[in-house]
Amino acid sequence: MARRLREEFNDQAMPHVAALLRTATRLCGSRDQAEDLVQETCLQAWRSFHRFEPGTNCRAWMYKILIFSHARLRRDQSRRPFVTDIETADESVLLFDPPTPDTLTAQSMRAAFDAIPEAFRVAVLLVDVEGLTYREAADALDVPIGTIMSRLNRGRRLMRIALVDQAADYGIDVAAADRKRQV
């Protein structure tokens, strides 16, 4: 019985670990924290696998566990005091000299993505980056499909606005580019 359950878990849940790690890296911001989050997700999935309904979407189920685990970890972290060395912090701020790119880069895309509120960022991440369907994302976040569609629309719009502002900062005339596309 236990062997069959382990084989089913390995066949159904484990193929999603790489995708979960990509998503966790974006959620956490660091590879180490993402690995910890995915490990916690897999552990929770294994502990709950006896309740998983065969024939349902295991991928969405795993994402749901990932999102809930991430939210729980963030709540736990928010309760801990933030400790930093003031002298080191001041020095690092003074030494920071940000580069000025000529065009929009992957970094500016990441910055725009990171600037949008988390609810919208998670929707964009699950649907546009990880390729989940609206239904799978709704199941993973335990919200109605209309909420996913709304969050996705608002998240995409906020990213467009952020990127237009960044393009203008770099001297790119977005209005002129739009006029050329319309002709």
N, C-alpha and C. Protein backbone atom coordinates (compact mmCIF):
# COMPACT_ATOMS: atom_id res chain seq x y z
N MET A 1 0.83 -1.20 0.00
CA MET A 1 0.00 0.00 0.00
C MET A 1 0.87 1.26 0.00
N ALA A 2 1.83 1.33 0.94
CA ALA A 2 2.69 2.51 1.04
C ALA A 2 3.56 2.66 -0.21
N ARG A 3 4.00 1.54 -0.75
CA ARG A 3 4.83 1.57 -1.95
C ARG A 3 4.04 2.10 -3.14
N ARG A 4 2.79 1.66 -3.27
CA ARG A 4 1.94 2.11 -4.37
C ARG A 4 1.65 3.61 -4.24
N LEU A 5 1.41 4.06 -3.00
CA LEU A 5 1.15 5.48 -2.76
C LEU A 5 2.38 6.31 -3.12
N ARG A 6 3.56 5.83 -2.74
CA ARG A 6 4.80 6.53 -3.07
C ARG A 6 5.02 6.60 -4.57
N GLU A 7 4.72 5.50 -5.28
CA GLU A 7 4.86 5.50 -6.74
C GLU A 7 3.88 6.47 -7.39
N GLU A 8 2.65 6.50 -6.90
CA GLU A 8 1.66 7.44 -7.42
C GLU A 8 2.11 8.88 -7.18
N PHE A 9 2.63 9.14 -5.99
CA PHE A 9 3.12 10.49 -5.67
C PHE A 9 4.26 10.86 -6.61
N ASN A 10 5.20 9.95 -6.80
CA ASN A 10 6.33 10.22 -7.69
C ASN A 10 5.88 10.44 -9.12
N ASP A 11 4.87 9.69 -9.56
CA ASP A 11 4.38 9.81 -10.93
C ASP A 11 3.56 11.08 -11.15
N GLN A 12 2.76 11.46 -10.17
CA GLN A 12 1.83 12.56 -10.37
C GLN A 12 2.34 13.91 -9.86
N ALA A 13 2.99 13.92 -8.74
CA ALA A 13 3.38 15.19 -8.12
C ALA A 13 4.80 15.63 -8.47
N MET A 14 5.74 14.73 -8.46
CA MET A 14 7.14 15.10 -8.62
C MET A 14 7.49 15.70 -9.98
N PRO A 15 6.80 15.36 -11.07
CA PRO A 15 7.14 16.02 -12.35
C PRO A 15 6.94 17.53 -12.34
N HIS A 16 6.24 18.05 -11.36
CA HIS A 16 5.94 19.49 -11.31
C HIS A 16 6.95 20.27 -10.48
N VAL A 17 7.95 19.62 -9.93
CA VAL A 17 8.89 20.27 -9.01
C VAL A 17 9.67 21.38 -9.71
N ALA A 18 10.13 21.17 -10.94
CA ALA A 18 10.91 22.20 -11.64
C ALA A 18 10.08 23.47 -11.86
N ALA A 19 8.83 23.30 -12.27
CA ALA A 19 7.95 24.46 -12.47
C ALA A 19 7.66 25.14 -11.14
N LEU A 20 7.46 24.35 -10.09
CA LEU A 20 7.23 24.93 -8.77
C LEU A 20 8.44 25.74 -8.31
N LEU A 21 9.62 25.24 -8.60
CA LEU A 21 10.85 25.94 -8.21
C LEU A 21 10.97 27.28 -8.94
N ARG A 22 10.63 27.30 -10.23
CA ARG A 22 10.65 28.57 -10.97
C ARG A 22 9.70 29.57 -10.33
N THR A 23 8.50 29.12 -10.04
CA THR A 23 7.50 30.00 -9.45
C THR A 23 7.93 30.45 -8.06
N ALA A 24 8.44 29.52 -7.28
CA ALA A 24 8.89 29.85 -5.92
C ALA A 24 10.05 30.85 -5.95
N THR A 25 10.93 30.73 -6.94
CA THR A 25 12.05 31.67 -7.05
C THR A 25 11.53 33.08 -7.28
N ARG A 26 10.52 33.21 -8.14
CA ARG A 26 9.93 34.53 -8.38
C ARG A 26 9.20 35.05 -7.14
N LEU A 27 8.52 34.16 -6.43
CA LEU A 27 7.79 34.58 -5.24
C LEU A 27 8.74 35.00 -4.12
N CYS A 28 9.81 34.23 -3.93
CA CYS A 28 10.71 34.46 -2.80
C CYS A 28 11.82 35.46 -3.09
N GLY A 29 12.24 35.52 -4.34
CA GLY A 29 13.32 36.43 -4.68
C GLY A 29 14.71 35.83 -4.56
N SER A 30 14.84 34.65 -3.96
CA SER A 30 16.15 34.01 -3.87
C SER A 30 16.00 32.51 -4.07
N ARG A 31 17.01 31.93 -4.65
CA ARG A 31 16.99 30.50 -4.96
C ARG A 31 16.95 29.66 -3.68
N ASP A 32 17.71 30.06 -2.66
CA ASP A 32 17.74 29.30 -1.41
C ASP A 32 16.37 29.26 -0.75
N GLN A 33 15.72 30.41 -0.66
CA GLN A 33 14.39 30.45 -0.05
C GLN A 33 13.39 29.68 -0.90
N ALA A 34 13.55 29.75 -2.22
CA ALA A 34 12.65 29.03 -3.12
C ALA A 34 12.80 27.52 -2.94
N GLU A 35 14.02 27.05 -2.80
CA GLU A 35 14.24 25.63 -2.58
C GLU A 35 13.59 25.17 -1.27
N ASP A 36 13.72 26.00 -0.25
CA ASP A 36 13.08 25.68 1.04
C ASP A 36 11.56 25.63 0.88
N LEU A 37 11.01 26.58 0.13
CA LEU A 37 9.57 26.63 -0.08
C LEU A 37 9.08 25.41 -0.86
N VAL A 38 9.82 25.02 -1.89
CA VAL A 38 9.43 23.84 -2.67
C VAL A 38 9.56 22.58 -1.84
N GLN A 39 10.59 22.51 -1.01
CA GLN A 39 10.73 21.36 -0.13
C GLN A 39 9.55 21.28 0.83
N GLU A 40 9.16 22.42 1.39
CA GLU A 40 8.00 22.46 2.29
C GLU A 40 6.73 22.07 1.53
N THR A 41 6.61 22.53 0.30
CA THR A 41 5.45 22.20 -0.53
C THR A 41 5.38 20.70 -0.78
N CYS A 42 6.49 20.11 -1.15
CA CYS A 42 6.52 18.67 -1.41
C CYS A 42 6.22 17.87 -0.14
N LEU A 43 6.75 18.34 0.96
CA LEU A 43 6.48 17.66 2.23
C LEU A 43 4.99 17.72 2.57
N GLN A 44 4.40 18.90 2.42
CA GLN A 44 2.97 19.04 2.69
C GLN A 44 2.14 18.20 1.71
N ALA A 45 2.57 18.17 0.45
CA ALA A 45 1.85 17.38 -0.56
C ALA A 45 1.94 15.89 -0.21
N TRP A 46 3.12 15.44 0.21
CA TRP A 46 3.27 14.03 0.57
C TRP A 46 2.39 13.69 1.78
N ARG A 47 2.39 14.57 2.78
CA ARG A 47 1.57 14.33 3.96
C ARG A 47 0.08 14.30 3.63
N SER A 48 -0.31 15.04 2.63
CA SER A 48 -1.73 15.14 2.27
C SER A 48 -2.11 14.29 1.08
N PHE A 49 -1.17 13.56 0.52
CA PHE A 49 -1.44 12.86 -0.74
C PHE A 49 -2.55 11.82 -0.62
N HIS A 50 -2.75 11.29 0.55
CA HIS A 50 -3.84 10.32 0.74
C HIS A 50 -5.20 10.98 0.53
N ARG A 51 -5.25 12.33 0.63
CA ARG A 51 -6.50 13.04 0.40
C ARG A 51 -6.65 13.54 -1.03
N PHE A 52 -5.58 13.44 -1.82
CA PHE A 52 -5.64 13.86 -3.23
C PHE A 52 -6.59 12.95 -3.98
N GLU A 53 -7.46 13.54 -4.77
CA GLU A 53 -8.45 12.78 -5.53
C GLU A 53 -7.87 12.40 -6.88
N PRO A 54 -7.62 11.10 -7.11
CA PRO A 54 -7.08 10.68 -8.41
C PRO A 54 -8.00 11.14 -9.54
N GLY A 55 -7.38 11.56 -10.63
CA GLY A 55 -8.14 12.04 -11.77
C GLY A 55 -8.32 13.55 -11.76
N THR A 56 -8.02 14.20 -10.64
CA THR A 56 -8.09 15.66 -10.60
C THR A 56 -6.72 16.23 -11.00
N ASN A 57 -6.62 17.52 -11.08
CA ASN A 57 -5.42 18.19 -11.58
C ASN A 57 -4.36 18.29 -10.48
N CYS A 58 -3.37 17.42 -10.54
CA CYS A 58 -2.31 17.40 -9.53
C CYS A 58 -1.46 18.66 -9.61
N ARG A 59 -1.25 19.19 -10.81
CA ARG A 59 -0.44 20.39 -10.99
C ARG A 59 -1.07 21.57 -10.22
N ALA A 60 -2.36 21.79 -10.42
CA ALA A 60 -3.04 22.88 -9.71
C ALA A 60 -3.03 22.63 -8.21
N TRP A 61 -3.17 21.38 -7.81
CA TRP A 61 -3.13 21.02 -6.39
C TRP A 61 -1.78 21.38 -5.78
N MET A 62 -0.70 21.08 -6.50
CA MET A 62 0.65 21.40 -6.01
C MET A 62 0.86 22.92 -5.92
N TYR A 63 0.38 23.65 -6.93
CA TYR A 63 0.50 25.11 -6.89
C TYR A 63 -0.29 25.69 -5.72
N LYS A 64 -1.44 25.12 -5.44
CA LYS A 64 -2.25 25.58 -4.33
C LYS A 64 -1.48 25.42 -3.01
N ILE A 65 -0.83 24.28 -2.85
CA ILE A 65 -0.03 24.04 -1.65
C ILE A 65 1.14 25.02 -1.60
N LEU A 66 1.78 25.26 -2.75
CA LEU A 66 2.89 26.20 -2.82
C LEU A 66 2.45 27.60 -2.39
N ILE A 67 1.33 28.07 -2.92
CA ILE A 67 0.85 29.42 -2.60
C ILE A 67 0.50 29.52 -1.13
N PHE A 68 -0.19 28.52 -0.59
CA PHE A 68 -0.54 28.54 0.83
C PHE A 68 0.71 28.47 1.71
N SER A 69 1.68 27.65 1.33
CA SER A 69 2.92 27.55 2.11
C SER A 69 3.67 28.88 2.08
N HIS A 70 3.71 29.52 0.92
CA HIS A 70 4.38 30.81 0.80
C HIS A 70 3.70 31.86 1.68
N ALA A 71 2.37 31.88 1.66
CA ALA A 71 1.64 32.85 2.48
C ALA A 71 1.90 32.60 3.96
N ARG A 72 1.93 31.35 4.36
CA ARG A 72 2.20 31.02 5.76
C ARG A 72 3.61 31.44 6.16
N LEU A 73 4.59 31.18 5.31
CA LEU A 73 5.97 31.57 5.60
C LEU A 73 6.10 33.09 5.69
N ARG A 74 5.41 33.82 4.81
CA ARG A 74 5.46 35.29 4.86
C ARG A 74 4.82 35.81 6.14
N ARG A 75 3.72 35.20 6.56
CA ARG A 75 3.10 35.61 7.82
C ARG A 75 4.06 35.37 8.97
N ASP A 76 4.70 34.21 8.97
CA ASP A 76 5.66 33.89 10.03
C ASP A 76 6.82 34.88 10.03
N GLN A 77 7.34 35.21 8.84
CA GLN A 77 8.46 36.15 8.75
C GLN A 77 8.06 37.55 9.19
N SER A 78 6.83 37.95 8.91
CA SER A 78 6.41 39.30 9.27
C SER A 78 6.31 39.47 10.78
N ARG A 79 6.20 38.38 11.49
CA ARG A 79 6.12 38.45 12.95
C ARG A 79 7.49 38.52 13.62
N ARG A 80 8.53 38.21 12.84
CA ARG A 80 9.89 38.28 13.38
C ARG A 80 10.45 39.68 13.19
N PRO A 81 11.22 40.16 14.14
CA PRO A 81 11.81 41.50 13.98
C PRO A 81 12.88 41.49 12.89
N PHE A 82 12.96 42.60 12.16
CA PHE A 82 13.97 42.76 11.12
C PHE A 82 15.22 43.32 11.77
N VAL A 83 16.34 42.63 11.62
CA VAL A 83 17.58 43.04 12.26
C VAL A 83 18.60 43.32 11.17
N THR A 84 19.26 44.49 11.27
CA THR A 84 20.30 44.83 10.32
C THR A 84 21.38 45.64 11.02
N ASP A 85 22.55 45.62 10.46
CA ASP A 85 23.66 46.40 10.98
C ASP A 85 23.60 47.77 10.32
N ILE A 86 23.33 48.82 11.09
CA ILE A 86 23.14 50.17 10.56
C ILE A 86 24.37 50.65 9.79
N GLU A 87 25.56 50.41 10.33
CA GLU A 87 26.77 50.88 9.65
C GLU A 87 26.93 50.23 8.29
N THR A 88 26.68 48.95 8.19
CA THR A 88 26.79 48.24 6.92
C THR A 88 25.73 48.72 5.95
N ALA A 89 24.52 48.92 6.44
CA ALA A 89 23.43 49.38 5.57
C ALA A 89 23.74 50.74 5.00
N ASP A 90 24.21 51.67 5.81
CA ASP A 90 24.53 53.01 5.31
C ASP A 90 25.64 52.95 4.27
N GLU A 91 26.65 52.17 4.53
CA GLU A 91 27.77 52.06 3.61
C GLU A 91 27.32 51.47 2.27
N SER A 92 26.50 50.46 2.30
CA SER A 92 26.06 49.84 1.04
C SER A 92 25.20 50.80 0.23
N VAL A 93 24.43 51.65 0.90
CA VAL A 93 23.60 52.63 0.19
C VAL A 93 24.49 53.67 -0.48
N LEU A 94 25.52 54.12 0.21
CA LEU A 94 26.41 55.12 -0.35
C LEU A 94 27.22 54.59 -1.53
N LEU A 95 27.54 53.31 -1.52
CA LEU A 95 28.35 52.73 -2.58
C LEU A 95 27.54 52.31 -3.80
N PHE A 96 26.24 52.36 -3.72
CA PHE A 96 25.39 51.91 -4.81
C PHE A 96 25.37 52.94 -5.93
N ASP A 97 25.73 52.50 -7.14
CA ASP A 97 25.71 53.36 -8.32
C ASP A 97 24.96 52.62 -9.42
N PRO A 98 23.64 52.88 -9.56
CA PRO A 98 22.86 52.10 -10.51
C PRO A 98 23.24 52.40 -11.96
N PRO A 99 23.31 51.35 -12.79
CA PRO A 99 23.61 51.57 -14.20
C PRO A 99 22.40 52.18 -14.91
N THR A 100 22.66 52.92 -15.97
CA THR A 100 21.58 53.51 -16.76
C THR A 100 21.52 52.80 -18.10
N PRO A 101 20.54 51.90 -18.30
CA PRO A 101 20.47 51.17 -19.56
C PRO A 101 19.96 52.04 -20.71
N ASP A 102 20.33 51.68 -21.95
CA ASP A 102 19.89 52.42 -23.13
C ASP A 102 18.45 52.06 -23.51
N THR A 103 18.05 50.83 -23.23
CA THR A 103 16.73 50.36 -23.61
C THR A 103 16.13 49.57 -22.46
N LEU A 104 14.91 49.14 -22.64
CA LEU A 104 14.30 48.28 -21.64
C LEU A 104 15.02 46.93 -21.63
N THR A 105 15.28 46.43 -20.46
CA THR A 105 16.03 45.19 -20.32
C THR A 105 15.21 44.19 -19.52
N ALA A 106 15.77 43.01 -19.38
CA ALA A 106 15.14 41.99 -18.54
C ALA A 106 15.03 42.51 -17.10
N GLN A 107 16.03 43.28 -16.69
CA GLN A 107 15.99 43.84 -15.33
C GLN A 107 14.83 44.81 -15.18
N SER A 108 14.58 45.63 -16.20
CA SER A 108 13.46 46.57 -16.09
C SER A 108 12.13 45.82 -16.13
N MET A 109 12.07 44.71 -16.87
CA MET A 109 10.87 43.88 -16.85
C MET A 109 10.67 43.31 -15.45
N ARG A 110 11.75 42.80 -14.85
CA ARG A 110 11.65 42.26 -13.50
C ARG A 110 11.24 43.33 -12.50
N ALA A 111 11.80 44.52 -12.67
CA ALA A 111 11.46 45.61 -11.76
C ALA A 111 9.98 45.97 -11.88
N ALA A 112 9.49 46.03 -13.10
CA ALA A 112 8.07 46.33 -13.31
C ALA A 112 7.22 45.22 -12.71
N PHE A 113 7.64 43.98 -12.91
CA PHE A 113 6.91 42.83 -12.37
C PHE A 113 6.91 42.87 -10.85
N ASP A 114 8.06 43.14 -10.25
CA ASP A 114 8.17 43.16 -8.80
C ASP A 114 7.41 44.34 -8.18
N ALA A 115 7.17 45.39 -8.96
CA ALA A 115 6.51 46.59 -8.43
C ALA A 115 4.99 46.43 -8.33
N ILE A 116 4.42 45.48 -9.05
CA ILE A 116 2.96 45.35 -8.98
C ILE A 116 2.59 44.60 -7.70
N PRO A 117 1.41 44.88 -7.16
CA PRO A 117 0.99 44.22 -5.91
C PRO A 117 0.98 42.69 -6.04
N GLU A 118 1.24 42.04 -4.94
CA GLU A 118 1.45 40.59 -4.94
C GLU A 118 0.28 39.80 -5.53
N ALA A 119 -0.95 40.17 -5.25
CA ALA A 119 -2.08 39.41 -5.79
C ALA A 119 -2.07 39.41 -7.31
N PHE A 120 -1.74 40.54 -7.92
CA PHE A 120 -1.68 40.64 -9.38
C PHE A 120 -0.44 39.93 -9.91
N ARG A 121 0.67 40.08 -9.18
CA ARG A 121 1.93 39.46 -9.59
C ARG A 121 1.80 37.94 -9.63
N VAL A 122 1.15 37.37 -8.62
CA VAL A 122 0.98 35.91 -8.57
C VAL A 122 0.10 35.44 -9.74
N ALA A 123 -0.95 36.19 -10.06
CA ALA A 123 -1.81 35.82 -11.18
C ALA A 123 -1.04 35.86 -12.50
N VAL A 124 -0.26 36.91 -12.72
CA VAL A 124 0.55 37.02 -13.94
C VAL A 124 1.59 35.90 -13.98
N LEU A 125 2.20 35.62 -12.85
CA LEU A 125 3.21 34.57 -12.76
C LEU A 125 2.62 33.21 -13.12
N LEU A 126 1.49 32.87 -12.52
CA LEU A 126 0.91 31.54 -12.77
C LEU A 126 0.40 31.38 -14.20
N VAL A 127 -0.26 32.41 -14.74
CA VAL A 127 -0.87 32.28 -16.08
C VAL A 127 0.13 32.59 -17.19
N ASP A 128 0.78 33.75 -17.13
CA ASP A 128 1.65 34.17 -18.23
C ASP A 128 3.03 33.54 -18.22
N VAL A 129 3.57 33.29 -17.05
CA VAL A 129 4.92 32.72 -16.97
C VAL A 129 4.87 31.20 -16.92
N GLU A 130 4.07 30.65 -16.02
CA GLU A 130 4.02 29.20 -15.84
C GLU A 130 3.03 28.50 -16.77
N GLY A 131 2.17 29.24 -17.43
CA GLY A 131 1.27 28.66 -18.42
C GLY A 131 0.08 27.91 -17.85
N LEU A 132 -0.30 28.18 -16.62
CA LEU A 132 -1.50 27.56 -16.08
C LEU A 132 -2.72 28.16 -16.77
N THR A 133 -3.76 27.38 -16.91
CA THR A 133 -5.01 27.91 -17.43
C THR A 133 -5.65 28.77 -16.35
N TYR A 134 -6.65 29.55 -16.74
CA TYR A 134 -7.35 30.36 -15.75
C TYR A 134 -7.93 29.46 -14.66
N ARG A 135 -8.50 28.34 -15.05
CA ARG A 135 -9.12 27.41 -14.10
C ARG A 135 -8.06 26.86 -13.14
N GLU A 136 -6.90 26.44 -13.67
CA GLU A 136 -5.84 25.90 -12.81
C GLU A 136 -5.34 26.96 -11.83
N ALA A 137 -5.17 28.19 -12.31
CA ALA A 137 -4.72 29.26 -11.42
C ALA A 137 -5.77 29.55 -10.36
N ALA A 138 -7.03 29.55 -10.76
CA ALA A 138 -8.12 29.79 -9.79
C ALA A 138 -8.13 28.69 -8.74
N ASP A 139 -7.95 27.44 -9.17
CA ASP A 139 -7.90 26.33 -8.22
C ASP A 139 -6.69 26.46 -7.29
N ALA A 140 -5.55 26.84 -7.86
CA ALA A 140 -4.33 26.95 -7.05
C ALA A 140 -4.46 28.04 -5.99
N LEU A 141 -5.14 29.13 -6.34
CA LEU A 141 -5.27 30.24 -5.40
C LEU A 141 -6.56 30.18 -4.59
N ASP A 142 -7.41 29.21 -4.94
CA ASP A 142 -8.68 29.01 -4.25
C ASP A 142 -9.56 30.27 -4.33
N VAL A 143 -9.65 30.80 -5.57
CA VAL A 143 -10.50 31.97 -5.84
C VAL A 143 -11.33 31.66 -7.08
N PRO A 144 -12.41 32.41 -7.31
CA PRO A 144 -13.21 32.21 -8.52
C PRO A 144 -12.40 32.56 -9.78
N ILE A 145 -12.77 31.96 -10.89
CA ILE A 145 -12.05 32.20 -12.14
C ILE A 145 -12.13 33.66 -12.56
N GLY A 146 -13.25 34.32 -12.27
CA GLY A 146 -13.40 35.74 -12.58
C GLY A 146 -12.39 36.59 -11.83
N THR A 147 -12.05 36.19 -10.63
CA THR A 147 -11.05 36.92 -9.85
C THR A 147 -9.69 36.81 -10.51
N ILE A 148 -9.36 35.62 -11.02
CA ILE A 148 -8.10 35.43 -11.73
C ILE A 148 -8.07 36.32 -12.97
N MET A 149 -9.15 36.32 -13.72
CA MET A 149 -9.21 37.13 -14.94
C MET A 149 -9.04 38.61 -14.61
N SER A 150 -9.68 39.07 -13.56
CA SER A 150 -9.57 40.46 -13.14
C SER A 150 -8.15 40.80 -12.69
N ARG A 151 -7.58 39.94 -11.84
CA ARG A 151 -6.21 40.18 -11.34
C ARG A 151 -5.21 40.16 -12.48
N LEU A 152 -5.40 39.25 -13.41
CA LEU A 152 -4.50 39.14 -14.55
C LEU A 152 -4.58 40.41 -15.41
N ASN A 153 -5.78 40.87 -15.68
CA ASN A 153 -5.97 42.08 -16.47
C ASN A 153 -5.33 43.28 -15.78
N ARG A 154 -5.58 43.43 -14.50
CA ARG A 154 -5.01 44.56 -13.76
C ARG A 154 -3.50 44.46 -13.64
N GLY A 155 -2.99 43.24 -13.43
CA GLY A 155 -1.54 43.06 -13.33
C GLY A 155 -0.84 43.38 -14.64
N ARG A 156 -1.40 42.92 -15.75
CA ARG A 156 -0.83 43.23 -17.06
C ARG A 156 -0.85 44.73 -17.32
N ARG A 157 -1.98 45.38 -16.97
CA ARG A 157 -2.10 46.82 -17.19
C ARG A 157 -1.07 47.58 -16.35
N LEU A 158 -0.90 47.19 -15.09
CA LEU A 158 0.08 47.86 -14.23
C LEU A 158 1.50 47.67 -14.75
N MET A 159 1.78 46.49 -15.30
CA MET A 159 3.12 46.27 -15.89
C MET A 159 3.32 47.15 -17.11
N ARG A 160 2.28 47.25 -17.96
CA ARG A 160 2.39 48.13 -19.15
C ARG A 160 2.67 49.56 -18.72
N ILE A 161 1.95 50.04 -17.73
CA ILE A 161 2.14 51.42 -17.26
C ILE A 161 3.56 51.60 -16.73
N ALA A 162 4.03 50.65 -15.94
CA ALA A 162 5.39 50.75 -15.39
C ALA A 162 6.43 50.74 -16.49
N LEU A 163 6.22 49.92 -17.50
CA LEU A 163 7.19 49.83 -18.60
C LEU A 163 7.16 51.08 -19.47
N VAL A 164 5.99 51.67 -19.66
CA VAL A 164 5.91 52.92 -20.43
C VAL A 164 6.66 54.02 -19.68
N ASP A 165 6.47 54.09 -18.37
CA ASP A 165 7.18 55.09 -17.58
C ASP A 165 8.69 54.88 -17.65
N GLN A 166 9.13 53.63 -17.60
CA GLN A 166 10.56 53.35 -17.69
C GLN A 166 11.09 53.67 -19.07
N ALA A 167 10.31 53.36 -20.10
CA ALA A 167 10.73 53.67 -21.47
C ALA A 167 10.93 55.17 -21.63
N ALA A 168 10.00 55.96 -21.08
CA ALA A 168 10.13 57.42 -21.15
C ALA A 168 11.37 57.89 -20.41
N ASP A 169 11.68 57.25 -19.27
CA ASP A 169 12.90 57.61 -18.53
C ASP A 169 14.16 57.36 -19.35
N TYR A 170 14.09 56.38 -20.26
CA TYR A 170 15.25 56.05 -21.09
C TYR A 170 15.23 56.82 -22.41
N GLY A 171 14.25 57.73 -22.58
CA GLY A 171 14.21 58.54 -23.79
C GLY A 171 13.46 57.90 -24.95
N ILE A 172 12.74 56.83 -24.70
CA ILE A 172 11.97 56.18 -25.76
C ILE A 172 10.62 56.86 -25.84
N ASP A 173 10.28 57.34 -27.03
CA ASP A 173 9.01 58.03 -27.24
C ASP A 173 7.95 56.98 -27.54
N VAL A 174 7.20 56.58 -26.52
CA VAL A 174 6.20 55.52 -26.65
C VAL A 174 5.06 55.98 -27.55
N ALA A 175 4.65 57.23 -27.46
CA ALA A 175 3.55 57.73 -28.28
C ALA A 175 3.92 57.67 -29.76
N ALA A 176 5.15 58.02 -30.10
CA ALA A 176 5.59 57.95 -31.50
C ALA A 176 5.63 56.51 -31.98
N ALA A 177 6.07 55.60 -31.14
CA ALA A 177 6.10 54.19 -31.51
C ALA A 177 4.69 53.67 -31.74
N ASP A 178 3.73 54.10 -30.92
CA ASP A 178 2.34 53.69 -31.10
C ASP A 178 1.78 54.22 -32.41
N ARG A 179 2.11 55.49 -32.73
CA ARG A 179 1.61 56.06 -33.99
C ARG A 179 2.14 55.30 -35.19
N LYS A 180 3.40 54.88 -35.14
CA LYS A 180 4.00 54.12 -36.25
C LYS A 180 3.30 52.78 -36.42
N ARG A 181 2.95 52.12 -35.30
CA ARG A 181 2.28 50.83 -35.37
C ARG A 181 0.87 50.95 -35.94
N GLN A 182 0.22 52.08 -35.73
CA GLN A 182 -1.15 52.26 -36.20
C GLN A 182 -1.21 52.56 -37.69
N VAL A 183 -0.12 53.05 -38.26
CA VAL A 183 -0.10 53.40 -39.68
C VAL A 183 0.03 52.19 -40.55
